[in-house]
Full PDB file with SEQRES, HELIX, SHEET, SSBOND, CRYST1, ORIGX, SCALE, CONECT and MASTER records, all heavy atoms in Angstrom:
SEQRES   1 A   31  GLY LEU TYR THR PRO GLU ALA THR VAL GLN THR TYR ALA          
SEQRES   2 A   31  ARG LEU ALA GLU LEU ALA ARG VAL VAL LEU GLU ALA GLY          
SEQRES   3 A   31  ARG PRO VAL LEU VAL                                          
HELIX    1 AA1 PRO A    5  GLU A   24  1                                  20    
CRYST1    1.000    1.000    1.000  90.00  90.00  90.00 P 1           1          
ORIGX1      1.000000  0.000000  0.000000        0.00000                         
ORIGX2      0.000000  1.000000  0.000000        0.00000                         
ORIGX3      0.000000  0.000000  1.000000        0.00000                         
SCALE1      1.000000  0.000000  0.000000        0.00000                         
SCALE2      0.000000  1.000000  0.000000        0.00000                         
SCALE3      0.000000  0.000000  1.000000        0.00000                         
ATOM      1  N   GLY A   1       0.844  -1.205   0.051  1.00  0.00           N  
ATOM      2  CA  GLY A   1      -0.003  -0.017   0.000  1.00  0.00           C  
ATOM      3  C   GLY A   1       0.845   1.275   0.003  1.00  0.00           C  
ATOM      4  O   GLY A   1       1.627   1.504  -0.955  1.00  0.00           O  
ATOM      5  N   LEU A   2       0.697   2.077   1.007  1.00  0.00           N  
ATOM      6  CA  LEU A   2       1.421   3.320   1.225  1.00  0.00           C  
ATOM      7  C   LEU A   2       2.915   3.137   1.386  1.00  0.00           C  
ATOM      8  O   LEU A   2       3.686   4.102   1.267  1.00  0.00           O  
ATOM      9  CB  LEU A   2       0.819   4.127   2.329  1.00  0.00           C  
ATOM     10  CG  LEU A   2      -0.644   4.501   2.238  1.00  0.00           C  
ATOM     11  CD1 LEU A   2      -0.969   5.253   3.594  1.00  0.00           C  
ATOM     12  CD2 LEU A   2      -0.814   5.449   1.126  1.00  0.00           C  
ATOM     13  N   TYR A   3       3.369   1.944   1.730  1.00  0.00           N  
ATOM     14  CA  TYR A   3       4.749   1.689   1.970  1.00  0.00           C  
ATOM     15  C   TYR A   3       5.512   0.982   0.918  1.00  0.00           C  
ATOM     16  O   TYR A   3       6.573   0.375   1.192  1.00  0.00           O  
ATOM     17  CB  TYR A   3       4.876   0.893   3.317  1.00  0.00           C  
ATOM     18  CG  TYR A   3       4.338   1.729   4.543  1.00  0.00           C  
ATOM     19  CD1 TYR A   3       3.019   1.485   5.038  1.00  0.00           C  
ATOM     20  CD2 TYR A   3       4.992   2.823   4.950  1.00  0.00           C  
ATOM     21  CE1 TYR A   3       2.504   2.212   6.052  1.00  0.00           C  
ATOM     22  CE2 TYR A   3       4.454   3.631   5.988  1.00  0.00           C  
ATOM     23  CZ  TYR A   3       3.228   3.302   6.589  1.00  0.00           C  
ATOM     24  OH  TYR A   3       2.742   4.153   7.551  1.00  0.00           O  
ATOM     25  N   THR A   4       4.909   0.919  -0.300  1.00  0.00           N  
ATOM     26  CA  THR A   4       5.660   0.430  -1.507  1.00  0.00           C  
ATOM     27  C   THR A   4       6.740   1.430  -1.986  1.00  0.00           C  
ATOM     28  O   THR A   4       6.487   2.632  -1.815  1.00  0.00           O  
ATOM     29  CB  THR A   4       4.749  -0.043  -2.600  1.00  0.00           C  
ATOM     30  OG1 THR A   4       4.112   1.146  -3.081  1.00  0.00           O  
ATOM     31  CG2 THR A   4       3.761  -1.084  -2.212  1.00  0.00           C  
ATOM     32  N   PRO A   5       7.720   0.983  -2.597  1.00  0.00           N  
ATOM     33  CA  PRO A   5       8.639   1.883  -3.286  1.00  0.00           C  
ATOM     34  C   PRO A   5       7.993   2.807  -4.259  1.00  0.00           C  
ATOM     35  O   PRO A   5       8.284   4.084  -4.251  1.00  0.00           O  
ATOM     36  CB  PRO A   5       9.682   1.060  -3.898  1.00  0.00           C  
ATOM     37  CG  PRO A   5       9.717  -0.212  -3.191  1.00  0.00           C  
ATOM     38  CD  PRO A   5       8.218  -0.386  -2.799  1.00  0.00           C  
ATOM     39  N   GLU A   6       7.027   2.308  -5.031  1.00  0.00           N  
ATOM     40  CA  GLU A   6       6.303   3.125  -5.954  1.00  0.00           C  
ATOM     41  C   GLU A   6       5.503   4.202  -5.302  1.00  0.00           C  
ATOM     42  O   GLU A   6       5.429   5.373  -5.785  1.00  0.00           O  
ATOM     43  CB  GLU A   6       5.336   2.261  -6.756  1.00  0.00           C  
ATOM     44  CG  GLU A   6       6.106   1.208  -7.688  1.00  0.00           C  
ATOM     45  CD  GLU A   6       6.448  -0.096  -6.871  1.00  0.00           C  
ATOM     46  OE1 GLU A   6       6.018  -0.268  -5.738  1.00  0.00           O  
ATOM     47  OE2 GLU A   6       7.422  -0.793  -7.394  1.00  0.00           O  
ATOM     48  N   ALA A   7       4.818   3.892  -4.195  1.00  0.00           N  
ATOM     49  CA  ALA A   7       4.034   4.949  -3.470  1.00  0.00           C  
ATOM     50  C   ALA A   7       4.908   5.898  -2.995  1.00  0.00           C  
ATOM     51  O   ALA A   7       4.620   7.172  -2.974  1.00  0.00           O  
ATOM     52  CB  ALA A   7       3.192   4.258  -2.438  1.00  0.00           C  
ATOM     53  N   THR A   8       6.218   5.600  -2.487  1.00  0.00           N  
ATOM     54  CA  THR A   8       7.084   6.563  -1.991  1.00  0.00           C  
ATOM     55  C   THR A   8       7.549   7.563  -3.077  1.00  0.00           C  
ATOM     56  O   THR A   8       7.539   8.783  -2.818  1.00  0.00           O  
ATOM     57  CB  THR A   8       8.338   5.855  -1.342  1.00  0.00           C  
ATOM     58  OG1 THR A   8       7.797   5.056  -0.263  1.00  0.00           O  
ATOM     59  CG2 THR A   8       9.369   6.868  -0.827  1.00  0.00           C  
ATOM     60  N   VAL A   9       7.866   6.982  -4.183  1.00  0.00           N  
ATOM     61  CA  VAL A   9       8.254   7.833  -5.351  1.00  0.00           C  
ATOM     62  C   VAL A   9       7.180   8.783  -5.761  1.00  0.00           C  
ATOM     63  O   VAL A   9       7.411   9.995  -5.976  1.00  0.00           O  
ATOM     64  CB  VAL A   9       8.649   6.957  -6.563  1.00  0.00           C  
ATOM     65  CG1 VAL A   9       8.819   7.795  -7.875  1.00  0.00           C  
ATOM     66  CG2 VAL A   9       9.954   6.236  -6.282  1.00  0.00           C  
ATOM     67  N   GLN A  10       5.905   8.281  -5.768  1.00  0.00           N  
ATOM     68  CA  GLN A  10       4.718   9.134  -6.084  1.00  0.00           C  
ATOM     69  C   GLN A  10       4.545  10.253  -5.024  1.00  0.00           C  
ATOM     70  O   GLN A  10       4.244  11.420  -5.235  1.00  0.00           O  
ATOM     71  CB  GLN A  10       3.487   8.283  -6.100  1.00  0.00           C  
ATOM     72  CG  GLN A  10       3.465   7.419  -7.470  1.00  0.00           C  
ATOM     73  CD  GLN A  10       2.192   6.547  -7.534  1.00  0.00           C  
ATOM     74  OE1 GLN A  10       1.454   6.427  -6.513  1.00  0.00           O  
ATOM     75  NE2 GLN A  10       2.102   5.912  -8.610  1.00  0.00           N  
ATOM     76  N   THR A  11       4.794   9.924  -3.743  1.00  0.00           N  
ATOM     77  CA  THR A  11       4.565  10.917  -2.750  1.00  0.00           C  
ATOM     78  C   THR A  11       5.516  11.975  -2.802  1.00  0.00           C  
ATOM     79  O   THR A  11       5.212  13.195  -2.746  1.00  0.00           O  
ATOM     80  CB  THR A  11       4.687  10.298  -1.346  1.00  0.00           C  
ATOM     81  OG1 THR A  11       3.656   9.258  -1.191  1.00  0.00           O  
ATOM     82  CG2 THR A  11       4.676  11.233  -0.107  1.00  0.00           C  
ATOM     83  N   TYR A  12       6.823  11.710  -2.994  1.00  0.00           N  
ATOM     84  CA  TYR A  12       7.867  12.637  -3.194  1.00  0.00           C  
ATOM     85  C   TYR A  12       7.721  13.442  -4.407  1.00  0.00           C  
ATOM     86  O   TYR A  12       8.003  14.701  -4.369  1.00  0.00           O  
ATOM     87  CB  TYR A  12       9.310  12.098  -2.956  1.00  0.00           C  
ATOM     88  CG  TYR A  12       9.635  11.803  -1.520  1.00  0.00           C  
ATOM     89  CD1 TYR A  12       9.325  10.635  -0.963  1.00  0.00           C  
ATOM     90  CD2 TYR A  12      10.216  12.820  -0.713  1.00  0.00           C  
ATOM     91  CE1 TYR A  12       9.515  10.363   0.392  1.00  0.00           C  
ATOM     92  CE2 TYR A  12      10.453  12.590   0.650  1.00  0.00           C  
ATOM     93  CZ  TYR A  12      10.170  11.338   1.059  1.00  0.00           C  
ATOM     94  OH  TYR A  12      10.464  11.120   2.509  1.00  0.00           O  
ATOM     95  N   ALA A  13       7.268  12.929  -5.510  1.00  0.00           N  
ATOM     96  CA  ALA A  13       7.049  13.663  -6.755  1.00  0.00           C  
ATOM     97  C   ALA A  13       5.913  14.689  -6.490  1.00  0.00           C  
ATOM     98  O   ALA A  13       6.049  15.803  -6.919  1.00  0.00           O  
ATOM     99  CB  ALA A  13       6.668  12.725  -7.820  1.00  0.00           C  
ATOM    100  N   ARG A  14       4.928  14.225  -5.744  1.00  0.00           N  
ATOM    101  CA  ARG A  14       3.757  15.169  -5.510  1.00  0.00           C  
ATOM    102  C   ARG A  14       4.260  16.305  -4.584  1.00  0.00           C  
ATOM    103  O   ARG A  14       3.821  17.447  -4.801  1.00  0.00           O  
ATOM    104  CB  ARG A  14       2.528  14.405  -4.864  1.00  0.00           C  
ATOM    105  CG  ARG A  14       1.391  15.268  -4.630  1.00  0.00           C  
ATOM    106  CD  ARG A  14       0.769  15.895  -5.884  1.00  0.00           C  
ATOM    107  NE  ARG A  14      -0.471  16.501  -5.502  1.00  0.00           N  
ATOM    108  CZ  ARG A  14      -0.876  17.706  -6.108  1.00  0.00           C  
ATOM    109  NH1 ARG A  14      -0.283  18.138  -7.197  1.00  0.00           N  
ATOM    110  NH2 ARG A  14      -2.031  18.250  -5.672  1.00  0.00           N  
ATOM    111  N   LEU A  15       5.045  15.978  -3.620  1.00  0.00           N  
ATOM    112  CA  LEU A  15       5.538  17.086  -2.738  1.00  0.00           C  
ATOM    113  C   LEU A  15       6.381  17.961  -3.546  1.00  0.00           C  
ATOM    114  O   LEU A  15       6.269  19.219  -3.325  1.00  0.00           O  
ATOM    115  CB  LEU A  15       6.405  16.402  -1.579  1.00  0.00           C  
ATOM    116  CG  LEU A  15       5.661  15.655  -0.478  1.00  0.00           C  
ATOM    117  CD1 LEU A  15       6.540  14.968   0.344  1.00  0.00           C  
ATOM    118  CD2 LEU A  15       4.776  16.597   0.244  1.00  0.00           C  
ATOM    119  N   ALA A  16       7.227  17.573  -4.399  1.00  0.00           N  
ATOM    120  CA  ALA A  16       8.094  18.384  -5.197  1.00  0.00           C  
ATOM    121  C   ALA A  16       7.211  19.283  -6.144  1.00  0.00           C  
ATOM    122  O   ALA A  16       7.419  20.496  -6.318  1.00  0.00           O  
ATOM    123  CB  ALA A  16       9.053  17.591  -6.074  1.00  0.00           C  
ATOM    124  N   GLU A  17       6.131  18.729  -6.688  1.00  0.00           N  
ATOM    125  CA  GLU A  17       5.264  19.456  -7.506  1.00  0.00           C  
ATOM    126  C   GLU A  17       4.585  20.620  -6.817  1.00  0.00           C  
ATOM    127  O   GLU A  17       4.446  21.803  -7.247  1.00  0.00           O  
ATOM    128  CB  GLU A  17       4.169  18.470  -8.047  1.00  0.00           C  
ATOM    129  CG  GLU A  17       3.139  19.037  -8.933  1.00  0.00           C  
ATOM    130  CD  GLU A  17       2.075  18.021  -9.398  1.00  0.00           C  
ATOM    131  OE1 GLU A  17       2.517  16.881  -9.855  1.00  0.00           O  
ATOM    132  OE2 GLU A  17       0.826  18.218  -9.121  1.00  0.00           O  
ATOM    133  N   LEU A  18       4.070  20.340  -5.579  1.00  0.00           N  
ATOM    134  CA  LEU A  18       3.464  21.308  -4.675  1.00  0.00           C  
ATOM    135  C   LEU A  18       4.400  22.332  -4.262  1.00  0.00           C  
ATOM    136  O   LEU A  18       4.094  23.531  -4.307  1.00  0.00           O  
ATOM    137  CB  LEU A  18       2.765  20.631  -3.544  1.00  0.00           C  
ATOM    138  CG  LEU A  18       1.572  19.758  -3.825  1.00  0.00           C  
ATOM    139  CD1 LEU A  18       1.106  18.936  -2.655  1.00  0.00           C  
ATOM    140  CD2 LEU A  18       0.475  20.528  -4.428  1.00  0.00           C  
ATOM    141  N   ALA A  19       5.604  21.835  -3.932  1.00  0.00           N  
ATOM    142  CA  ALA A  19       6.622  22.885  -3.513  1.00  0.00           C  
ATOM    143  C   ALA A  19       7.026  23.835  -4.651  1.00  0.00           C  
ATOM    144  O   ALA A  19       7.077  25.105  -4.359  1.00  0.00           O  
ATOM    145  CB  ALA A  19       7.949  22.153  -3.007  1.00  0.00           C  
ATOM    146  N   ARG A  20       7.046  23.270  -5.815  1.00  0.00           N  
ATOM    147  CA  ARG A  20       7.375  24.210  -6.980  1.00  0.00           C  
ATOM    148  C   ARG A  20       6.318  25.230  -7.143  1.00  0.00           C  
ATOM    149  O   ARG A  20       6.603  26.373  -7.363  1.00  0.00           O  
ATOM    150  CB  ARG A  20       7.596  23.424  -8.213  1.00  0.00           C  
ATOM    151  CG  ARG A  20       7.737  24.232  -9.527  1.00  0.00           C  
ATOM    152  CD  ARG A  20       7.817  23.376 -10.733  1.00  0.00           C  
ATOM    153  NE  ARG A  20       9.016  22.566 -10.848  1.00  0.00           N  
ATOM    154  CZ  ARG A  20      10.227  22.983 -11.146  1.00  0.00           C  
ATOM    155  NH1 ARG A  20      10.404  24.286 -11.550  1.00  0.00           N  
ATOM    156  NH2 ARG A  20      11.214  22.185 -11.168  1.00  0.00           N  
ATOM    157  N   VAL A  21       5.108  24.837  -7.041  1.00  0.00           N  
ATOM    158  CA  VAL A  21       3.945  25.794  -7.358  1.00  0.00           C  
ATOM    159  C   VAL A  21       4.004  26.928  -6.254  1.00  0.00           C  
ATOM    160  O   VAL A  21       3.945  28.086  -6.601  1.00  0.00           O  
ATOM    161  CB  VAL A  21       2.553  24.998  -7.250  1.00  0.00           C  
ATOM    162  CG1 VAL A  21       1.394  26.032  -7.093  1.00  0.00           C  
ATOM    163  CG2 VAL A  21       2.394  24.145  -8.389  1.00  0.00           C  
ATOM    164  N   VAL A  22       4.237  26.458  -5.088  1.00  0.00           N  
ATOM    165  CA  VAL A  22       4.295  27.522  -3.941  1.00  0.00           C  
ATOM    166  C   VAL A  22       5.494  28.410  -4.067  1.00  0.00           C  
ATOM    167  O   VAL A  22       5.361  29.737  -3.917  1.00  0.00           O  
ATOM    168  CB  VAL A  22       4.253  26.807  -2.545  1.00  0.00           C  
ATOM    169  CG1 VAL A  22       4.399  27.795  -1.425  1.00  0.00           C  
ATOM    170  CG2 VAL A  22       2.953  26.081  -2.439  1.00  0.00           C  
ATOM    171  N   LEU A  23       6.650  27.873  -4.329  1.00  0.00           N  
ATOM    172  CA  LEU A  23       7.844  28.639  -4.519  1.00  0.00           C  
ATOM    173  C   LEU A  23       7.710  29.606  -5.686  1.00  0.00           C  
ATOM    174  O   LEU A  23       8.115  30.772  -5.664  1.00  0.00           O  
ATOM    175  CB  LEU A  23       9.067  27.769  -4.619  1.00  0.00           C  
ATOM    176  CG  LEU A  23       9.541  26.985  -3.421  1.00  0.00           C  
ATOM    177  CD1 LEU A  23      10.493  25.932  -3.805  1.00  0.00           C  
ATOM    178  CD2 LEU A  23      10.071  28.013  -2.452  1.00  0.00           C  
ATOM    179  N   GLU A  24       7.153  29.169  -6.777  1.00  0.00           N  
ATOM    180  CA  GLU A  24       7.016  29.897  -7.993  1.00  0.00           C  
ATOM    181  C   GLU A  24       5.942  31.139  -7.741  1.00  0.00           C  
ATOM    182  O   GLU A  24       6.023  32.139  -8.377  1.00  0.00           O  
ATOM    183  CB  GLU A  24       6.649  29.190  -9.243  1.00  0.00           C  
ATOM    184  CG  GLU A  24       7.704  28.362  -9.764  1.00  0.00           C  
ATOM    185  CD  GLU A  24       7.314  27.419 -10.873  1.00  0.00           C  
ATOM    186  OE1 GLU A  24       6.094  27.113 -11.107  1.00  0.00           O  
ATOM    187  OE2 GLU A  24       8.260  26.952 -11.596  1.00  0.00           O  
ATOM    188  N   ALA A  25       5.133  30.963  -6.701  1.00  0.00           N  
ATOM    189  CA  ALA A  25       4.276  31.950  -6.312  1.00  0.00           C  
ATOM    190  C   ALA A  25       4.952  32.954  -5.439  1.00  0.00           C  
ATOM    191  O   ALA A  25       4.316  33.917  -4.895  1.00  0.00           O  
ATOM    192  CB  ALA A  25       3.037  31.361  -5.661  1.00  0.00           C  
ATOM    193  N   GLY A  26       6.131  32.753  -5.068  1.00  0.00           N  
ATOM    194  CA  GLY A  26       6.948  33.701  -4.183  1.00  0.00           C  
ATOM    195  C   GLY A  26       6.815  33.396  -2.693  1.00  0.00           C  
ATOM    196  O   GLY A  26       7.204  34.233  -1.853  1.00  0.00           O  
ATOM    197  N   ARG A  27       6.313  32.285  -2.339  1.00  0.00           N  
ATOM    198  CA  ARG A  27       6.156  31.894  -0.899  1.00  0.00           C  
ATOM    199  C   ARG A  27       7.189  30.938  -0.396  1.00  0.00           C  
ATOM    200  O   ARG A  27       7.637  30.126  -1.228  1.00  0.00           O  
ATOM    201  CB  ARG A  27       4.742  31.413  -0.649  1.00  0.00           C  
ATOM    202  CG  ARG A  27       3.595  32.280  -1.203  1.00  0.00           C  
ATOM    203  CD  ARG A  27       3.544  33.520  -0.461  1.00  0.00           C  
ATOM    204  NE  ARG A  27       3.252  33.389   0.921  1.00  0.00           N  
ATOM    205  CZ  ARG A  27       3.222  34.346   1.802  1.00  0.00           C  
ATOM    206  NH1 ARG A  27       3.331  35.507   1.333  1.00  0.00           N  
ATOM    207  NH2 ARG A  27       3.020  34.143   3.049  1.00  0.00           N  
ATOM    208  N   PRO A  28       7.596  30.940   0.784  1.00  0.00           N  
ATOM    209  CA  PRO A  28       8.570  29.952   1.329  1.00  0.00           C  
ATOM    210  C   PRO A  28       7.867  28.670   1.502  1.00  0.00           C  
ATOM    211  O   PRO A  28       6.529  28.550   1.682  1.00  0.00           O  
ATOM    212  CB  PRO A  28       8.955  30.581   2.659  1.00  0.00           C  
ATOM    213  CG  PRO A  28       7.807  31.381   3.085  1.00  0.00           C  
ATOM    214  CD  PRO A  28       7.304  32.005   1.728  1.00  0.00           C  
ATOM    215  N   VAL A  29       8.474  27.585   1.571  1.00  0.00           N  
ATOM    216  CA  VAL A  29       8.039  26.230   1.591  1.00  0.00           C  
ATOM    217  C   VAL A  29       8.819  25.447   2.724  1.00  0.00           C  
ATOM    218  O   VAL A  29      10.099  25.477   2.696  1.00  0.00           O  
ATOM    219  CB  VAL A  29       8.069  25.497   0.264  1.00  0.00           C  
ATOM    220  CG1 VAL A  29       7.697  24.036   0.422  1.00  0.00           C  
ATOM    221  CG2 VAL A  29       7.196  26.140  -0.788  1.00  0.00           C  
ATOM    222  N   LEU A  30       8.164  24.763   3.462  1.00  0.00           N  
ATOM    223  CA  LEU A  30       8.631  23.742   4.341  1.00  0.00           C  
ATOM    224  C   LEU A  30       8.093  22.336   4.084  1.00  0.00           C  
ATOM    225  O   LEU A  30       6.883  22.193   4.162  1.00  0.00           O  
ATOM    226  CB  LEU A  30       8.441  24.118   5.879  1.00  0.00           C  
ATOM    227  CG  LEU A  30       8.990  22.970   6.885  1.00  0.00           C  
ATOM    228  CD1 LEU A  30      10.434  23.134   6.980  1.00  0.00           C  
ATOM    229  CD2 LEU A  30       8.294  23.369   8.270  1.00  0.00           C  
ATOM    230  N   VAL A  31       8.884  21.454   3.526  1.00  0.00           N  
ATOM    231  CA  VAL A  31       8.374  20.203   3.193  1.00  0.00           C  
ATOM    232  C   VAL A  31       8.604  19.208   4.362  1.00  0.00           C  
ATOM    233  O   VAL A  31       9.782  18.958   4.723  1.00  0.00           O  
ATOM    234  CB  VAL A  31       9.109  19.579   1.938  1.00  0.00           C  
ATOM    235  CG1 VAL A  31       8.516  18.238   1.485  1.00  0.00           C  
ATOM    236  CG2 VAL A  31       8.922  20.685   0.698  1.00  0.00           C  
TER     237      VAL A  31                                                      
MASTER        0    0    0    1    0    0    0    6  236    1    0    3          
END                                                                             
């Protein structure tokens, strides 16, 4: 489930995507 390598890759990819959006909006990010 949530603890497969594939799920981990998807989670970090989504975090990076969200961090990018927030940073590009000029806001700081804490992941």
